[in-house]
Amino acid sequence: MASKPRKVIITCAVTGSIHTPSMSPHLPITAQEIADAAISAAEAGAAVIHLHARKPDSGEPDQSLEAFRPFLGIIKQRVDAVLNITTGGASTMTIEERLQPALHFRPEVASLNMGTMNFGLFPMLNRFKDFAHDWERPYLEGSKSRIFRNTFEDIEAILTRCADNGTRFEIECYDIGHLYTCAHFVDRGLIKPPFFIQSVFGILGGIGQHPDDVTHMKRTADRLFGDDYRWSVLGAGRMQMQIALQSVLLGGNARVGLEDSLWAGKGRLARSNAEQVTIVRKLIEDLGLEIATPAEAREMLALKGGDQVNF
């Protein structure tokens, strides 16, 4: 008897805080644009939607409750996707600012970066020269001297303060050491299986994008966690789809979206998040696999359900 095809979870990160508005006219900025992008991505096959918010007039990252509230309700009414709220926000924000939306809205999933790190965005100034908003260039330049802070104390605070809400985490690992930080919290019982590890490749300050980097990350996670975790990857920039494909071939899942890459081919801007979802979906299905529905993703990740959130 033939076995059933493996299910692959597609996550789509629709706007993020890495790219700035002048880099692409397709980057969602307003609450309605973010909602529309999320809905279209879910309809294209994304089971999980990773969400940031922005100021509607300038596109600057905004972690206020007022920025998140309008689009969370719209998305929830229209699609059944798992909604994942960032605790990363932007590196310019305090831990309290970054945590508030996940703490208040009690999502099924929230992202959680496994460590303090350099987070270099300034190389994008080599490609993008003209900016419509005063904040964009200093924001990118400032990443030379700015760190993204998530100390052990910060991580513990996020895990413990969200625990009573039943929120589970997209555990973002930007380097091999982040897997060991995750293992530390697993050993302490603050992260419980099955946990969802999102390996991030290509941010300046983290691990690179060579195929050996991807296999090293997977091999180390397998050794540390065995069957207790679910693995996904995101490749920053032009390597997005190659790294997604490698993950799927290694038994993992994939994340796409305009937070991670603005592109949909060599030198061609993606017209939407849904376009990237469609591309990675085709890669998955051409391998004889199937994309996970939101219900299947909830079961795979042991989530509490969309009726248990506060939006």
C-alpha atoms as a PDB file:
ATOM      1  CA  MET A   1       0.000   0.000   0.000  1.00  0.00           C
ATOM      2  CA  ALA A   2       1.443   3.367  -1.044  1.00  0.00           C
ATOM      3  CA  SER A   3       2.183   5.808   1.760  1.00  0.00           C
ATOM      4  CA  LYS A   4       0.450   9.150   1.812  1.00  0.00           C
ATOM      5  CA  PRO A   5       2.468  12.121   0.505  1.00  0.00           C
ATOM      6  CA  ARG A   6       4.268  14.125   3.167  1.00  0.00           C
ATOM      7  CA  LYS A   7       2.662  17.429   4.127  1.00  0.00           C
ATOM      8  CA  VAL A   8       4.777  20.582   3.888  1.00  0.00           C
ATOM      9  CA  ILE A   9       3.936  23.749   5.830  1.00  0.00           C
ATOM     10  CA  ILE A  10       4.303  26.976   3.864  1.00  0.00           C
ATOM     11  CA  THR A  11       4.758  30.081   6.014  1.00  0.00           C
ATOM     12  CA  CYS A  12       4.452  33.500   4.384  1.00  0.00           C
ATOM     13  CA  ALA A  13       5.985  36.584   6.017  1.00  0.00           C
ATOM     14  CA  VAL A  14       4.147  39.362   4.246  1.00  0.00           C
ATOM     15  CA  THR A  15       5.938  42.616   5.188  1.00  0.00           C
ATOM     16  CA  GLY A  16       8.500  42.364   8.019  1.00  0.00           C
ATOM     17  CA  SER A  17      10.812  45.178   9.100  1.00  0.00           C
ATOM     18  CA  ILE A  18      13.895  44.521   6.967  1.00  0.00           C
ATOM     19  CA  HIS A  19      12.906  46.066   3.659  1.00  0.00           C
ATOM     20  CA  THR A  20      11.820  49.688   3.375  1.00  0.00           C
ATOM     21  CA  PRO A  21       8.997  51.064   1.215  1.00  0.00           C
ATOM     22  CA  SER A  22      11.207  52.597  -1.464  1.00  0.00           C
ATOM     23  CA  MET A  23      12.677  49.201  -2.334  1.00  0.00           C
ATOM     24  CA  SER A  24       9.488  47.820  -3.872  1.00  0.00           C
ATOM     25  CA  PRO A  25       6.065  49.237  -4.738  1.00  0.00           C
ATOM     26  CA  HIS A  26       4.625  45.815  -3.867  1.00  0.00           C
ATOM     27  CA  LEU A  27       5.676  45.809  -0.189  1.00  0.00           C
ATOM     28  CA  PRO A  28       2.499  45.967   1.959  1.00  0.00           C
ATOM     29  CA  ILE A  29       2.427  49.039   4.188  1.00  0.00           C
ATOM     30  CA  THR A  30      -1.083  49.954   5.346  1.00  0.00           C
ATOM     31  CA  ALA A  31      -3.298  47.704   7.439  1.00  0.00           C
ATOM     32  CA  GLN A  32      -5.525  47.021   4.428  1.00  0.00           C
ATOM     33  CA  GLU A  33      -2.520  46.172   2.243  1.00  0.00           C
ATOM     34  CA  ILE A  34      -1.153  43.817   4.891  1.00  0.00           C
ATOM     35  CA  ALA A  35      -4.557  42.167   5.278  1.00  0.00           C
ATOM     36  CA  ASP A  36      -4.986  41.782   1.518  1.00  0.00           C
ATOM     37  CA  ALA A  37      -1.470  40.333   1.187  1.00  0.00           C
ATOM     38  CA  ALA A  38      -2.061  37.858   3.988  1.00  0.00           C
ATOM     39  CA  ILE A  39      -5.420  36.732   2.613  1.00  0.00           C
ATOM     40  CA  SER A  40      -4.033  36.269  -0.896  1.00  0.00           C
ATOM     41  CA  ALA A  41      -1.039  34.329   0.443  1.00  0.00           C
ATOM     42  CA  ALA A  42      -3.318  32.045   2.445  1.00  0.00           C
ATOM     43  CA  GLU A  43      -5.559  31.470  -0.560  1.00  0.00           C
ATOM     44  CA  ALA A  44      -2.448  30.585  -2.593  1.00  0.00           C
ATOM     45  CA  GLY A  45      -1.495  27.903  -0.083  1.00  0.00           C
ATOM     46  CA  ALA A  46       0.257  29.393   2.941  1.00  0.00           C
ATOM     47  CA  ALA A  47      -0.903  27.670   6.137  1.00  0.00           C
ATOM     48  CA  VAL A  48       0.904  30.136   8.434  1.00  0.00           C
ATOM     49  CA  ILE A  49       1.066  33.929   8.038  1.00  0.00           C
ATOM     50  CA  HIS A  50       3.874  35.745   9.856  1.00  0.00           C
ATOM     51  CA  LEU A  51       2.900  39.330  10.656  1.00  0.00           C
ATOM     52  CA  HIS A  52       4.578  42.660  11.345  1.00  0.00           C
ATOM     53  CA  ALA A  53       2.943  46.098  11.240  1.00  0.00           C
ATOM     54  CA  ARG A  54       4.001  49.442   9.794  1.00  0.00           C
ATOM     55  CA  LYS A  55       3.053  53.094  10.089  1.00  0.00           C
ATOM     56  CA  PRO A  56       0.653  53.715   7.195  1.00  0.00           C
ATOM     57  CA  ASP A  57       2.067  57.099   6.187  1.00  0.00           C
ATOM     58  CA  SER A  58       5.777  56.207   6.132  1.00  0.00           C
ATOM     59  CA  GLY A  59       6.065  52.412   6.222  1.00  0.00           C
ATOM     60  CA  GLU A  60       8.250  52.552   9.327  1.00  0.00           C
ATOM     61  CA  PRO A  61       8.012  49.435  11.558  1.00  0.00           C
ATOM     62  CA  ASP A  62       5.320  49.856  14.219  1.00  0.00           C
ATOM     63  CA  GLN A  63       4.789  47.431  17.096  1.00  0.00           C
ATOM     64  CA  SER A  64       1.818  49.211  18.696  1.00  0.00           C
ATOM     65  CA  LEU A  65      -1.423  47.368  19.377  1.00  0.00           C
ATOM     66  CA  GLU A  66      -3.244  49.949  17.274  1.00  0.00           C
ATOM     67  CA  ALA A  67      -1.132  49.043  14.258  1.00  0.00           C
ATOM     68  CA  PHE A  68      -1.882  45.304  14.507  1.00  0.00           C
ATOM     69  CA  ARG A  69      -5.538  45.369  15.541  1.00  0.00           C
ATOM     70  CA  PRO A  70      -7.135  46.406  12.200  1.00  0.00           C
ATOM     71  CA  PHE A  71      -5.602  43.720  10.007  1.00  0.00           C
ATOM     72  CA  LEU A  72      -5.740  40.839  12.505  1.00  0.00           C
ATOM     73  CA  GLY A  73      -9.525  40.955  12.570  1.00  0.00           C
ATOM     74  CA  ILE A  74      -9.843  41.232   8.803  1.00  0.00           C
ATOM     75  CA  ILE A  75      -7.535  38.287   8.125  1.00  0.00           C
ATOM     76  CA  LYS A  76      -9.170  36.068  10.733  1.00  0.00           C
ATOM     77  CA  GLN A  77     -12.618  36.715   9.251  1.00  0.00           C
ATOM     78  CA  ARG A  78     -11.520  35.864   5.711  1.00  0.00           C
ATOM     79  CA  VAL A  79      -9.181  32.858   6.005  1.00  0.00           C
ATOM     80  CA  ASP A  80      -8.399  30.028   8.419  1.00  0.00           C
ATOM     81  CA  ALA A  81      -4.614  30.445   8.311  1.00  0.00           C
ATOM     82  CA  VAL A  82      -2.531  30.319  11.483  1.00  0.00           C
ATOM     83  CA  LEU A  83      -1.606  33.912  12.341  1.00  0.00           C
ATOM     84  CA  ASN A  84       1.898  34.337  13.733  1.00  0.00           C
ATOM     85  CA  ILE A  85       2.744  37.664  15.406  1.00  0.00           C
ATOM     86  CA  THR A  86       6.345  38.820  15.594  1.00  0.00           C
ATOM     87  CA  THR A  87       8.136  39.442  18.884  1.00  0.00           C
ATOM     88  CA  GLY A  88      11.117  40.616  16.839  1.00  0.00           C
ATOM     89  CA  GLY A  89       9.558  43.864  15.661  1.00  0.00           C
ATOM     90  CA  ALA A  90      12.638  45.826  14.666  1.00  0.00           C
ATOM     91  CA  SER A  91      16.094  46.148  16.207  1.00  0.00           C
ATOM     92  CA  THR A  92      15.340  49.784  17.063  1.00  0.00           C
ATOM     93  CA  MET A  93      12.645  48.719  19.571  1.00  0.00           C
ATOM     94  CA  THR A  94      12.803  47.725  23.241  1.00  0.00           C
ATOM     95  CA  ILE A  95      11.865  44.230  24.376  1.00  0.00           C
ATOM     96  CA  GLU A  96       8.673  45.592  25.971  1.00  0.00           C
ATOM     97  CA  GLU A  97       7.617  47.249  22.717  1.00  0.00           C
ATOM     98  CA  ARG A  98       8.339  44.105  20.746  1.00  0.00           C
ATOM     99  CA  LEU A  99       6.437  41.801  23.109  1.00  0.00           C
ATOM    100  CA  GLN A 100       3.187  43.750  23.510  1.00  0.00           C
ATOM    101  CA  PRO A 101       1.231  42.527  20.440  1.00  0.00           C
ATOM    102  CA  ALA A 102       1.877  38.829  21.136  1.00  0.00           C
ATOM    103  CA  LEU A 103       1.154  39.286  24.830  1.00  0.00           C
ATOM    104  CA  HIS A 104      -2.114  41.127  24.205  1.00  0.00           C
ATOM    105  CA  PHE A 105      -3.539  39.308  21.172  1.00  0.00           C
ATOM    106  CA  ARG A 106      -2.538  35.798  22.350  1.00  0.00           C
ATOM    107  CA  PRO A 107      -1.891  34.326  18.896  1.00  0.00           C
ATOM    108  CA  GLU A 108      -1.476  30.637  18.189  1.00  0.00           C
ATOM    109  CA  VAL A 109       2.143  31.312  17.205  1.00  0.00           C
ATOM    110  CA  ALA A 110       4.635  34.109  17.838  1.00  0.00           C
ATOM    111  CA  SER A 111       8.151  34.387  16.448  1.00  0.00           C
ATOM    112  CA  LEU A 112      11.109  34.255  18.831  1.00  0.00           C
ATOM    113  CA  ASN A 113      14.724  34.992  17.849  1.00  0.00           C
ATOM    114  CA  MET A 114      17.133  32.770  19.790  1.00  0.00           C
ATOM    115  CA  GLY A 115      19.796  35.344  20.519  1.00  0.00           C
ATOM    116  CA  THR A 116      21.376  38.782  20.500  1.00  0.00           C
ATOM    117  CA  MET A 117      23.167  39.344  17.200  1.00  0.00           C
ATOM    118  CA  ASN A 118      24.529  41.734  14.643  1.00  0.00           C
ATOM    119  CA  PHE A 119      21.807  42.276  12.043  1.00  0.00           C
ATOM    120  CA  GLY A 120      23.366  44.049   9.097  1.00  0.00           C
ATOM    121  CA  LEU A 121      20.928  45.657   6.682  1.00  0.00           C
ATOM    122  CA  PHE A 122      23.376  48.293   5.401  1.00  0.00           C
ATOM    123  CA  PRO A 123      24.595  46.228   2.381  1.00  0.00           C
ATOM    124  CA  MET A 124      21.222  46.924   0.763  1.00  0.00           C
ATOM    125  CA  LEU A 125      22.418  50.515   0.319  1.00  0.00           C
ATOM    126  CA  ASN A 126      24.663  49.191  -2.452  1.00  0.00           C
ATOM    127  CA  ARG A 127      21.570  48.340  -4.506  1.00  0.00           C
ATOM    128  CA  PHE A 128      19.032  50.923  -3.369  1.00  0.00           C
ATOM    129  CA  LYS A 129      20.077  54.566  -3.644  1.00  0.00           C
ATOM    130  CA  ASP A 130      16.890  56.673  -3.625  1.00  0.00           C
ATOM    131  CA  PHE A 131      14.483  56.795  -0.702  1.00  0.00           C
ATOM    132  CA  ALA A 132      11.104  58.496  -0.409  1.00  0.00           C
ATOM    133  CA  HIS A 133      11.064  58.711   3.406  1.00  0.00           C
ATOM    134  CA  ASP A 134      13.558  60.359   5.729  1.00  0.00           C
ATOM    135  CA  TRP A 135      13.805  57.349   8.066  1.00  0.00           C
ATOM    136  CA  GLU A 136      14.853  54.744   5.493  1.00  0.00           C
ATOM    137  CA  ARG A 137      18.531  55.521   4.870  1.00  0.00           C
ATOM    138  CA  PRO A 138      19.427  56.143   8.562  1.00  0.00           C
ATOM    139  CA  TYR A 139      17.585  52.941   9.499  1.00  0.00           C
ATOM    140  CA  LEU A 140      19.713  50.900   7.107  1.00  0.00           C
ATOM    141  CA  GLU A 141      22.965  52.743   7.878  1.00  0.00           C
ATOM    142  CA  GLY A 142      22.338  52.422  11.612  1.00  0.00           C
ATOM    143  CA  SER A 143      22.434  48.645  11.428  1.00  0.00           C
ATOM    144  CA  LYS A 144      26.249  48.905  11.281  1.00  0.00           C
ATOM    145  CA  SER A 145      26.343  49.939  14.933  1.00  0.00           C
ATOM    146  CA  ARG A 146      23.042  48.491  16.167  1.00  0.00           C
ATOM    147  CA  ILE A 147      22.434  44.993  17.507  1.00  0.00           C
ATOM    148  CA  PHE A 148      19.252  42.982  17.691  1.00  0.00           C
ATOM    149  CA  ARG A 149      18.928  42.236  21.391  1.00  0.00           C
ATOM    150  CA  ASN A 150      17.520  39.000  22.757  1.00  0.00           C
ATOM    151  CA  THR A 151      19.472  38.009  25.853  1.00  0.00           C
ATOM    152  CA  PHE A 152      18.808  34.811  27.793  1.00  0.00           C
ATOM    153  CA  GLU A 153      16.750  36.944  30.182  1.00  0.00           C
ATOM    154  CA  ASP A 154      14.745  38.413  27.300  1.00  0.00           C
ATOM    155  CA  ILE A 155      14.039  35.007  25.769  1.00  0.00           C
ATOM    156  CA  GLU A 156      13.000  33.582  29.132  1.00  0.00           C
ATOM    157  CA  ALA A 157      10.684  36.543  29.701  1.00  0.00           C
ATOM    158  CA  ILE A 158       8.971  36.071  26.338  1.00  0.00           C
ATOM    159  CA  LEU A 159       8.556  32.330  26.871  1.00  0.00           C
ATOM    160  CA  THR A 160       7.197  32.633  30.398  1.00  0.00           C
ATOM    161  CA  ARG A 161       4.974  35.663  29.870  1.00  0.00           C
ATOM    162  CA  CYS A 162       3.292  34.088  26.828  1.00  0.00           C
ATOM    163  CA  ALA A 163       3.000  30.626  28.391  1.00  0.00           C
ATOM    164  CA  ASP A 164      -0.351  31.234  30.099  1.00  0.00           C
ATOM    165  CA  ASN A 165      -1.808  32.349  26.753  1.00  0.00           C
ATOM    166  CA  GLY A 166      -1.053  29.000  25.113  1.00  0.00           C
ATOM    167  CA  THR A 167       1.024  30.706  22.423  1.00  0.00           C
ATOM    168  CA  ARG A 168       3.651  28.500  20.810  1.00  0.00           C
ATOM    169  CA  PHE A 169       6.684  29.803  18.949  1.00  0.00           C
ATOM    170  CA  GLU A 170       8.329  30.000  15.574  1.00  0.00           C
ATOM    171  CA  ILE A 171      11.838  29.627  16.994  1.00  0.00           C
ATOM    172  CA  GLU A 172      14.099  31.641  14.706  1.00  0.00           C
ATOM    173  CA  CYS A 173      17.659  30.323  14.579  1.00  0.00           C
ATOM    174  CA  TYR A 174      20.084  32.541  12.659  1.00  0.00           C
ATOM    175  CA  ASP A 175      23.166  30.506  13.496  1.00  0.00           C
ATOM    176  CA  ILE A 176      24.249  27.155  14.943  1.00  0.00           C
ATOM    177  CA  GLY A 177      24.632  28.636  18.426  1.00  0.00           C
ATOM    178  CA  HIS A 178      20.941  29.513  18.400  1.00  0.00           C
ATOM    179  CA  LEU A 179      20.102  25.802  18.229  1.00  0.00           C
ATOM    180  CA  TYR A 180      22.072  25.283  21.433  1.00  0.00           C
ATOM    181  CA  THR A 181      20.255  28.204  23.054  1.00  0.00           C
ATOM    182  CA  CYS A 182      16.992  26.535  22.080  1.00  0.00           C
ATOM    183  CA  ALA A 183      18.258  23.261  23.575  1.00  0.00           C
ATOM    184  CA  HIS A 184      18.995  25.105  26.833  1.00  0.00           C
ATOM    185  CA  PHE A 185      15.365  26.218  27.115  1.00  0.00           C
ATOM    186  CA  VAL A 186      14.118  22.787  26.050  1.00  0.00           C
ATOM    187  CA  ASP A 187      16.164  21.223  28.863  1.00  0.00           C
ATOM    188  CA  ARG A 188      14.595  23.676  31.308  1.00  0.00           C
ATOM    189  CA  GLY A 189      11.096  22.782  30.130  1.00  0.00           C
ATOM    190  CA  LEU A 190      10.306  26.270  28.814  1.00  0.00           C
ATOM    191  CA  ILE A 191      10.116  25.057  25.199  1.00  0.00           C
ATOM    192  CA  LYS A 192       8.053  21.910  24.781  1.00  0.00           C
ATOM    193  CA  PRO A 193       7.835  19.553  21.811  1.00  0.00           C
ATOM    194  CA  PRO A 194       6.814  19.532  19.101  1.00  0.00           C
ATOM    195  CA  PHE A 195       8.570  22.871  18.607  1.00  0.00           C
ATOM    196  CA  PHE A 196       8.864  24.723  15.310  1.00  0.00           C
ATOM    197  CA  ILE A 197      12.387  25.783  14.348  1.00  0.00           C
ATOM    198  CA  GLN A 198      12.752  28.341  11.577  1.00  0.00           C
ATOM    199  CA  SER A 199      16.360  28.336  10.374  1.00  0.00           C
ATOM    200  CA  VAL A 200      17.341  31.657   8.825  1.00  0.00           C
ATOM    201  CA  PHE A 201      20.042  31.841   6.166  1.00  0.00           C
ATOM    202  CA  GLY A 202      21.686  34.912   4.684  1.00  0.00           C
ATOM    203  CA  ILE A 203      21.336  37.730   7.222  1.00  0.00           C
ATOM    204  CA  LEU A 204      24.680  39.498   7.686  1.00  0.00           C
ATOM    205  CA  GLY A 205      25.572  38.518  11.240  1.00  0.00           C
ATOM    206  CA  GLY A 206      24.136  35.003  10.972  1.00  0.00           C
ATOM    207  CA  ILE A 207      24.883  31.812   9.073  1.00  0.00           C
ATOM    208  CA  GLY A 208      25.444  31.957   5.312  1.00  0.00           C
ATOM    209  CA  GLN A 209      23.553  30.440   2.403  1.00  0.00           C
ATOM    210  CA  HIS A 210      25.858  27.725   1.109  1.00  0.00           C
ATOM    211  CA  PRO A 211      24.167  24.304   0.819  1.00  0.00           C
ATOM    212  CA  ASP A 212      26.630  23.043   3.437  1.00  0.00           C
ATOM    213  CA  ASP A 213      25.299  25.674   5.863  1.00  0.00           C
ATOM    214  CA  VAL A 214      21.781  24.350   5.386  1.00  0.00           C
ATOM    215  CA  THR A 215      22.746  20.711   5.891  1.00  0.00           C
ATOM    216  CA  HIS A 216      24.903  21.627   8.913  1.00  0.00           C
ATOM    217  CA  MET A 217      21.953  23.393  10.528  1.00  0.00           C
ATOM    218  CA  LYS A 218      19.637  20.441   9.841  1.00  0.00           C
ATOM    219  CA  ARG A 219      22.149  17.845  10.987  1.00  0.00           C
ATOM    220  CA  THR A 220      22.800  19.716  14.241  1.00  0.00           C
ATOM    221  CA  ALA A 221      19.086  20.155  14.937  1.00  0.00           C
ATOM    222  CA  ASP A 222      18.486  16.456  14.296  1.00  0.00           C
ATOM    223  CA  ARG A 223      21.239  15.526  16.744  1.00  0.00           C
ATOM    224  CA  LEU A 224      19.961  17.884  19.444  1.00  0.00           C
ATOM    225  CA  PHE A 225      16.230  17.341  19.095  1.00  0.00           C
ATOM    226  CA  GLY A 226      15.542  14.087  17.268  1.00  0.00           C
ATOM    227  CA  ASP A 227      11.831  13.743  16.553  1.00  0.00           C
ATOM    228  CA  ASP A 228      10.819  16.547  18.947  1.00  0.00           C
ATOM    229  CA  TYR A 229      10.867  19.368  16.405  1.00  0.00           C
ATOM    230  CA  ARG A 230       9.493  20.491  13.048  1.00  0.00           C
ATOM    231  CA  TRP A 231      11.989  22.219  10.761  1.00  0.00           C
ATOM    232  CA  SER A 232      11.480  25.092   8.355  1.00  0.00           C
ATOM    233  CA  VAL A 233      13.821  27.480   6.582  1.00  0.00           C
ATOM    234  CA  LEU A 234      13.891  30.938   5.138  1.00  0.00           C
ATOM    235  CA  GLY A 235      16.498  32.167   2.721  1.00  0.00           C
ATOM    236  CA  ALA A 236      17.035  35.915   2.640  1.00  0.00           C
ATOM    237  CA  GLY A 237      17.115  37.613  -0.737  1.00  0.00           C
ATOM    238  CA  ARG A 238      17.791  35.913  -4.039  1.00  0.00           C
ATOM    239  CA  MET A 239      18.521  32.484  -2.505  1.00  0.00           C
ATOM    240  CA  GLN A 240      15.000  32.183  -1.090  1.00  0.00           C
ATOM    241  CA  MET A 241      13.701  29.459  -3.388  1.00  0.00           C
ATOM    242  CA  GLN A 242      16.930  27.451  -3.608  1.00  0.00           C
ATOM    243  CA  ILE A 243      17.071  27.155   0.176  1.00  0.00           C
ATOM    244  CA  ALA A 244      13.356  26.380   0.372  1.00  0.00           C
ATOM    245  CA  LEU A 245      13.854  23.565  -2.132  1.00  0.00           C
ATOM    246  CA  GLN A 246      16.795  22.154  -0.186  1.00  0.00           C
ATOM    247  CA  SER A 247      14.717  22.166   3.002  1.00  0.00           C
ATOM    248  CA  VAL A 248      11.867  20.304   1.346  1.00  0.00           C
ATOM    249  CA  LEU A 249      14.296  17.719  -0.058  1.00  0.00           C
ATOM    250  CA  LEU A 250      15.703  17.255   3.471  1.00  0.00           C
ATOM    251  CA  GLY A 251      12.222  16.666   4.911  1.00  0.00           C
ATOM    252  CA  GLY A 252      11.539  20.203   6.099  1.00  0.00           C
ATOM    253  CA  ASN A 253       9.109  23.045   5.508  1.00  0.00           C
ATOM    254  CA  ALA A 254       9.528  26.459   3.879  1.00  0.00           C
ATOM    255  CA  ARG A 255       8.931  30.138   4.514  1.00  0.00           C
ATOM    256  CA  VAL A 256       8.610  32.772   1.802  1.00  0.00           C
ATOM    257  CA  GLY A 257       7.265  36.326   1.648  1.00  0.00           C
ATOM    258  CA  LEU A 258       8.337  39.889   0.977  1.00  0.00           C
ATOM    259  CA  GLU A 259       9.786  40.200   4.480  1.00  0.00           C
ATOM    260  CA  ASP A 260      12.517  37.773   3.436  1.00  0.00           C
ATOM    261  CA  SER A 261      12.942  38.511  -0.280  1.00  0.00           C
ATOM    262  CA  LEU A 262      11.553  41.093  -2.685  1.00  0.00           C
ATOM    263  CA  TRP A 263      12.224  38.896  -5.708  1.00  0.00           C
ATOM    264  CA  ALA A 264      10.414  36.340  -7.858  1.00  0.00           C
ATOM    265  CA  GLY A 265      13.234  35.557 -10.267  1.00  0.00           C
ATOM    266  CA  LYS A 266      16.544  37.054 -11.333  1.00  0.00           C
ATOM    267  CA  GLY A 267      16.191  40.835 -11.325  1.00  0.00           C
ATOM    268  CA  ARG A 268      12.385  40.660 -11.152  1.00  0.00           C
ATOM    269  CA  LEU A 269      10.470  42.045  -8.192  1.00  0.00           C
ATOM    270  CA  ALA A 270       7.705  39.824  -6.864  1.00  0.00           C
ATOM    271  CA  ARG A 271       4.362  41.436  -7.575  1.00  0.00           C
ATOM    272  CA  SER A 272       2.869  39.978  -4.406  1.00  0.00           C
ATOM    273  CA  ASN A 273       3.434  37.601  -1.531  1.00  0.00           C
ATOM    274  CA  ALA A 274       1.004  35.215  -3.186  1.00  0.00           C
ATOM    275  CA  GLU A 275       3.312  34.991  -6.204  1.00  0.00           C
ATOM    276  CA  GLN A 276       6.110  33.659  -4.001  1.00  0.00           C
ATOM    277  CA  VAL A 277       3.727  31.213  -2.300  1.00  0.00           C
ATOM    278  CA  THR A 278       2.648  29.954  -5.711  1.00  0.00           C
ATOM    279  CA  ILE A 279       6.276  29.411  -6.775  1.00  0.00           C
ATOM    280  CA  VAL A 280       7.222  27.421  -3.672  1.00  0.00           C
ATOM    281  CA  ARG A 281       3.959  25.486  -3.794  1.00  0.00           C
ATOM    282  CA  LYS A 282       4.802  24.339  -7.314  1.00  0.00           C
ATOM    283  CA  LEU A 283       8.259  23.211  -6.162  1.00  0.00           C
ATOM    284  CA  ILE A 284       6.658  21.169  -3.387  1.00  0.00           C
ATOM    285  CA  GLU A 285       3.970  19.607  -5.539  1.00  0.00           C
ATOM    286  CA  ASP A 286       6.384  18.840  -8.390  1.00  0.00           C
ATOM    287  CA  LEU A 287       8.245  16.642  -5.881  1.00  0.00           C
ATOM    288  CA  GLY A 288       5.081  14.629  -5.294  1.00  0.00           C
ATOM    289  CA  LEU A 289       4.427  16.204  -1.902  1.00  0.00           C
ATOM    290  CA  GLU A 290       1.405  18.122  -0.660  1.00  0.00           C
ATOM    291  CA  ILE A 291       1.057  21.447   1.107  1.00  0.00           C
ATOM    292  CA  ALA A 292      -0.363  21.365   4.613  1.00  0.00           C
ATOM    293  CA  THR A 293      -3.721  22.968   5.206  1.00  0.00           C
ATOM    294  CA  PRO A 294      -4.061  25.267   8.223  1.00  0.00           C
ATOM    295  CA  ALA A 295      -5.831  22.446  10.089  1.00  0.00           C
ATOM    296  CA  GLU A 296      -2.990  20.063   9.291  1.00  0.00           C
ATOM    297  CA  ALA A 297      -0.393  22.655  10.324  1.00  0.00           C
ATOM    298  CA  ARG A 298      -2.197  23.105  13.647  1.00  0.00           C
ATOM    299  CA  GLU A 299      -2.026  19.364  14.243  1.00  0.00           C
ATOM    300  CA  MET A 300       1.648  19.126  13.203  1.00  0.00           C
ATOM    301  CA  LEU A 301       2.631  22.001  15.512  1.00  0.00           C
ATOM    302  CA  ALA A 302       0.201  21.158  18.362  1.00  0.00           C
ATOM    303  CA  LEU A 303      -1.423  24.598  18.291  1.00  0.00           C
ATOM    304  CA  LYS A 304      -4.332  25.675  20.464  1.00  0.00           C
ATOM    305  CA  GLY A 305      -6.662  26.686  17.629  1.00  0.00           C
ATOM    306  CA  GLY A 306      -7.837  29.907  16.047  1.00  0.00           C
ATOM    307  CA  ASP A 307     -10.771  30.203  18.450  1.00  0.00           C
ATOM    308  CA  GLN A 308      -8.406  30.678  21.398  1.00  0.00           C
ATOM    309  CA  VAL A 309      -6.859  33.992  20.331  1.00  0.00           C
ATOM    310  CA  ASN A 310      -7.710  37.513  21.470  1.00  0.00           C
ATOM    311  CA  PHE A 311      -8.657  39.100  18.155  1.00  0.00           C
END
